[in-house]
């Protein structure tokens, strides 16, 4: 065989080998966001719909409680923690005090800075003392590590007080359960008003 034919033949052989690796080689490892628990059912408050499908909105934006780029993580790269279970809320009125209260399957209310028996932690409480949230109106609860307990996770969003804000207060609730994220957007107008969601794993 002439030298002129050897180079193209060698290139064709390499290409065939690479194609074989792509088709018959070991499967690529799934990203972490594609594994984990699945939601069995969701209970919504009257008049509020939980969106189960994610539509890409562009690059990830911080402190809006939304998985903007649809990769299964809420507010990534914003200094907030995440896990195989994560619930976050964000609201538009800095003066308003909106609380995120999550009860785990063992019946424990998740508290700031301390892991519940089911491994959930509330990251911060806004507005909080000394303006610790710096105007970023977000509260976040996440599974610190490992697999989540199966059962019901009750998520209650409560408008504690308006604090001089003009109602209604626009609230976004985002939830990550394993590989999927969910979103609900609603308005709250009166102090002590609540919206409760239940996610069953």
Protein backbone atom coordinates (compact mmCIF):
# COMPACT_ATOMS: atom_id res chain seq x y z
CA UNK A 1 0.00 0.00 0.00
CA UNK A 2 1.37 3.41 -0.87
CA UNK A 3 2.13 5.95 1.83
CA UNK A 4 -0.51 8.24 0.38
CA UNK A 5 -3.26 5.77 1.35
CA UNK A 6 -1.94 4.93 4.81
CA UNK A 7 -2.74 8.31 6.43
CA UNK A 8 -6.41 8.40 5.36
CA UNK A 9 -6.78 4.74 6.37
CA UNK A 10 -5.30 5.49 9.81
CA UNK A 11 -7.65 8.44 10.28
CA UNK A 12 -10.64 6.31 9.30
CA UNK A 13 -9.60 3.63 11.80
CA UNK A 14 -9.32 6.17 14.62
CA UNK A 15 -12.71 7.63 13.71
CA UNK A 16 -14.27 4.16 13.77
CA UNK A 17 -12.74 3.43 17.16
CA UNK A 18 -14.05 6.70 18.58
CA UNK A 19 -17.51 5.97 17.18
CA UNK A 20 -17.38 2.54 18.82
CA UNK A 21 -16.55 4.08 22.18
CA UNK A 22 -19.48 6.45 21.86
CA UNK A 23 -21.91 3.68 20.97
CA UNK A 24 -20.69 0.63 22.80
CA UNK A 25 -18.52 2.00 25.59
CA UNK A 26 -19.47 2.40 29.22
CA UNK A 27 -22.42 4.75 29.78
CA UNK A 28 -21.60 8.23 30.98
CA UNK A 29 -22.24 8.85 34.65
CA UNK A 30 -25.44 10.76 35.30
CA UNK A 31 -25.07 14.19 36.86
CA UNK A 32 -25.99 14.39 40.53
CA UNK A 33 -29.12 16.39 39.76
CA UNK A 34 -30.54 13.51 37.71
CA UNK A 35 -30.57 11.06 40.62
CA UNK A 36 -32.51 10.98 43.85
CA UNK A 37 -36.05 10.71 45.23
CA UNK A 38 -39.22 11.14 43.25
CA UNK A 39 -42.39 13.01 44.18
CA UNK A 40 -45.42 10.77 44.61
CA UNK A 41 -47.98 13.56 45.07
CA UNK A 42 -48.32 17.30 45.67
CA UNK A 43 -51.13 19.04 47.55
CA UNK A 44 -51.61 22.69 46.65
CA UNK A 45 -53.48 25.47 48.44
CA UNK A 46 -56.67 26.68 46.79
CA UNK A 47 -56.02 29.01 43.89
CA UNK A 48 -52.28 28.26 43.63
CA UNK A 49 -50.79 25.98 40.99
CA UNK A 50 -47.43 24.23 41.33
CA UNK A 51 -45.63 24.13 37.98
CA UNK A 52 -44.05 20.73 37.51
CA UNK A 53 -42.29 21.33 34.20
CA UNK A 54 -39.22 23.53 33.96
CA UNK A 55 -38.80 25.90 31.02
CA UNK A 56 -35.32 27.44 30.65
CA UNK A 57 -35.42 31.18 31.28
CA UNK A 58 -31.74 31.88 30.63
CA UNK A 59 -28.75 31.91 33.00
CA UNK A 60 -29.30 31.35 36.72
CA UNK A 61 -30.39 34.49 38.59
CA UNK A 62 -29.73 34.88 42.29
CA UNK A 63 -32.30 35.13 45.09
CA UNK A 64 -35.45 34.48 43.07
CA UNK A 65 -36.11 30.87 44.28
CA UNK A 66 -36.28 29.68 40.65
CA UNK A 67 -34.25 27.09 38.75
CA UNK A 68 -33.72 29.49 35.83
CA UNK A 69 -31.46 27.22 33.77
CA UNK A 70 -33.41 24.00 34.49
CA UNK A 71 -30.47 21.96 35.76
CA UNK A 72 -32.30 20.81 38.89
CA UNK A 73 -30.71 23.28 41.34
CA UNK A 74 -32.32 26.43 42.74
CA UNK A 75 -30.23 29.64 42.91
CA UNK A 76 -26.94 27.85 42.28
CA UNK A 77 -23.78 29.92 42.55
CA UNK A 78 -25.52 32.40 44.86
CA UNK A 79 -24.03 31.23 48.14
CA UNK A 80 -27.13 29.23 49.08
CA UNK A 81 -27.02 25.59 50.11
CA UNK A 82 -28.84 22.83 48.27
CA UNK A 83 -29.48 19.12 48.62
CA UNK A 84 -31.72 16.36 47.30
CA UNK A 85 -34.53 18.23 49.04
CA UNK A 86 -34.55 22.02 48.95
CA UNK A 87 -37.34 24.56 49.43
CA UNK A 88 -36.82 28.30 48.97
CA UNK A 89 -39.05 31.36 48.94
CA UNK A 90 -38.39 34.85 47.61
CA UNK A 91 -40.59 37.95 47.76
CA UNK A 92 -40.57 41.43 46.26
CA UNK A 93 -41.15 43.69 49.29
CA UNK A 94 -38.04 44.12 51.46
CA UNK A 95 -40.07 45.50 54.38
CA UNK A 96 -42.42 42.52 54.53
CA UNK A 97 -41.67 39.60 56.84
CA UNK A 98 -42.48 36.33 55.05
CA UNK A 99 -41.63 33.05 56.76
CA UNK A 100 -40.85 29.63 55.30
CA UNK A 101 -41.89 26.88 57.69
CA UNK A 102 -41.06 23.31 56.68
CA UNK A 103 -42.15 20.27 58.66
CA UNK A 104 -40.24 17.07 57.88
CA UNK A 105 -41.76 13.54 57.67
CA UNK A 106 -40.97 12.98 61.35
CA UNK A 107 -43.20 15.93 62.25
CA UNK A 108 -40.37 18.29 63.24
CA UNK A 109 -40.38 21.97 62.28
CA UNK A 110 -37.05 22.81 60.67
CA UNK A 111 -35.14 25.53 62.51
CA UNK A 112 -32.40 27.98 61.55
CA UNK A 113 -28.86 26.64 61.88
CA UNK A 114 -29.75 23.25 63.37
CA UNK A 115 -30.41 20.02 61.50
CA UNK A 116 -33.69 18.28 62.19
CA UNK A 117 -33.73 14.53 62.83
CA UNK A 118 -34.50 14.09 59.12
CA UNK A 119 -31.40 16.14 58.21
CA UNK A 120 -33.05 19.39 57.09
CA UNK A 121 -31.63 22.81 57.95
CA UNK A 122 -33.15 26.27 57.61
CA UNK A 123 -30.37 28.45 56.25
CA UNK A 124 -31.62 31.90 57.26
CA UNK A 125 -34.60 33.87 58.52
CA UNK A 126 -35.28 37.15 56.68
CA UNK A 127 -35.51 40.05 57.24
CA UNK A 128 -33.86 38.88 60.47
CA UNK A 129 -31.86 40.79 63.06
CA UNK A 130 -29.48 43.57 62.06
CA UNK A 131 -30.61 43.31 58.42
CA UNK A 132 -28.57 40.09 58.10
CA UNK A 133 -30.15 39.30 54.73
CA UNK A 134 -28.93 42.58 53.21
CA UNK A 135 -32.12 43.17 51.28
CA UNK A 136 -32.09 39.72 49.64
CA UNK A 137 -35.54 38.51 50.62
CA UNK A 138 -34.97 34.77 50.51
CA UNK A 139 -35.41 31.92 52.98
CA UNK A 140 -34.02 28.48 52.25
CA UNK A 141 -34.43 24.98 53.72
CA UNK A 142 -32.24 22.16 52.47
CA UNK A 143 -31.24 18.57 53.15
CA UNK A 144 -27.75 18.75 54.60
CA UNK A 145 -26.52 15.43 53.20
CA UNK A 146 -27.54 11.95 52.12
CA UNK A 147 -30.87 10.54 51.02
CA UNK A 148 -34.07 12.18 52.29
CA UNK A 149 -36.63 10.39 54.44
CA UNK A 150 -39.69 9.23 52.57
CA UNK A 151 -43.02 10.63 53.63
CA UNK A 152 -44.74 14.02 53.68
CA UNK A 153 -42.91 17.35 53.71
CA UNK A 154 -45.26 20.18 54.66
CA UNK A 155 -44.27 23.61 53.38
CA UNK A 156 -46.09 26.62 54.83
CA UNK A 157 -45.45 30.16 53.59
CA UNK A 158 -46.69 32.73 56.10
CA UNK A 159 -46.91 36.50 55.81
CA UNK A 160 -46.00 37.52 59.37
CA UNK A 161 -46.28 41.27 58.86
CA UNK A 162 -46.29 43.84 56.11
CA UNK A 163 -43.84 46.12 57.90
CA UNK A 164 -45.02 49.13 55.94
CA UNK A 165 -45.00 47.36 52.57
CA UNK A 166 -47.90 47.92 50.22
CA UNK A 167 -49.91 44.73 49.63
CA UNK A 168 -50.08 42.45 47.85
CA UNK A 169 -46.66 40.87 48.42
CA UNK A 170 -45.60 38.73 45.45
CA UNK A 171 -44.04 35.44 46.60
CA UNK A 172 -42.24 32.69 44.68
CA UNK A 173 -41.83 29.24 46.20
CA UNK A 174 -39.33 26.90 44.58
CA UNK A 175 -38.79 23.27 45.54
CA UNK A 176 -36.16 20.77 44.49
CA UNK A 177 -36.97 17.10 44.99
CA UNK A 178 -34.20 14.89 43.65
CA UNK A 179 -33.80 15.51 39.91
CA UNK A 180 -36.77 17.86 39.48
CA UNK A 181 -37.66 21.38 40.49
CA UNK A 182 -41.11 22.88 41.06
CA UNK A 183 -42.37 26.44 41.26
CA UNK A 184 -45.41 28.31 42.53
CA UNK A 185 -46.05 32.05 42.40
CA UNK A 186 -48.79 33.77 44.40
CA UNK A 187 -49.77 36.93 46.27
CA UNK A 188 -50.26 37.51 49.99
CA UNK A 189 -52.07 40.54 51.40
CA UNK A 190 -52.92 40.13 55.09
CA UNK A 191 -50.68 39.50 58.11
CA UNK A 192 -50.83 35.88 59.30
CA UNK A 193 -52.06 34.72 55.88
CA UNK A 194 -50.68 31.27 55.00
CA UNK A 195 -50.27 29.05 51.96
CA UNK A 196 -49.51 25.38 52.64
CA UNK A 197 -48.09 22.82 50.21
CA UNK A 198 -47.45 19.13 50.85
CA UNK A 199 -44.87 17.10 48.93
CA UNK A 200 -45.05 13.33 49.41
CA UNK A 201 -41.93 11.34 48.55
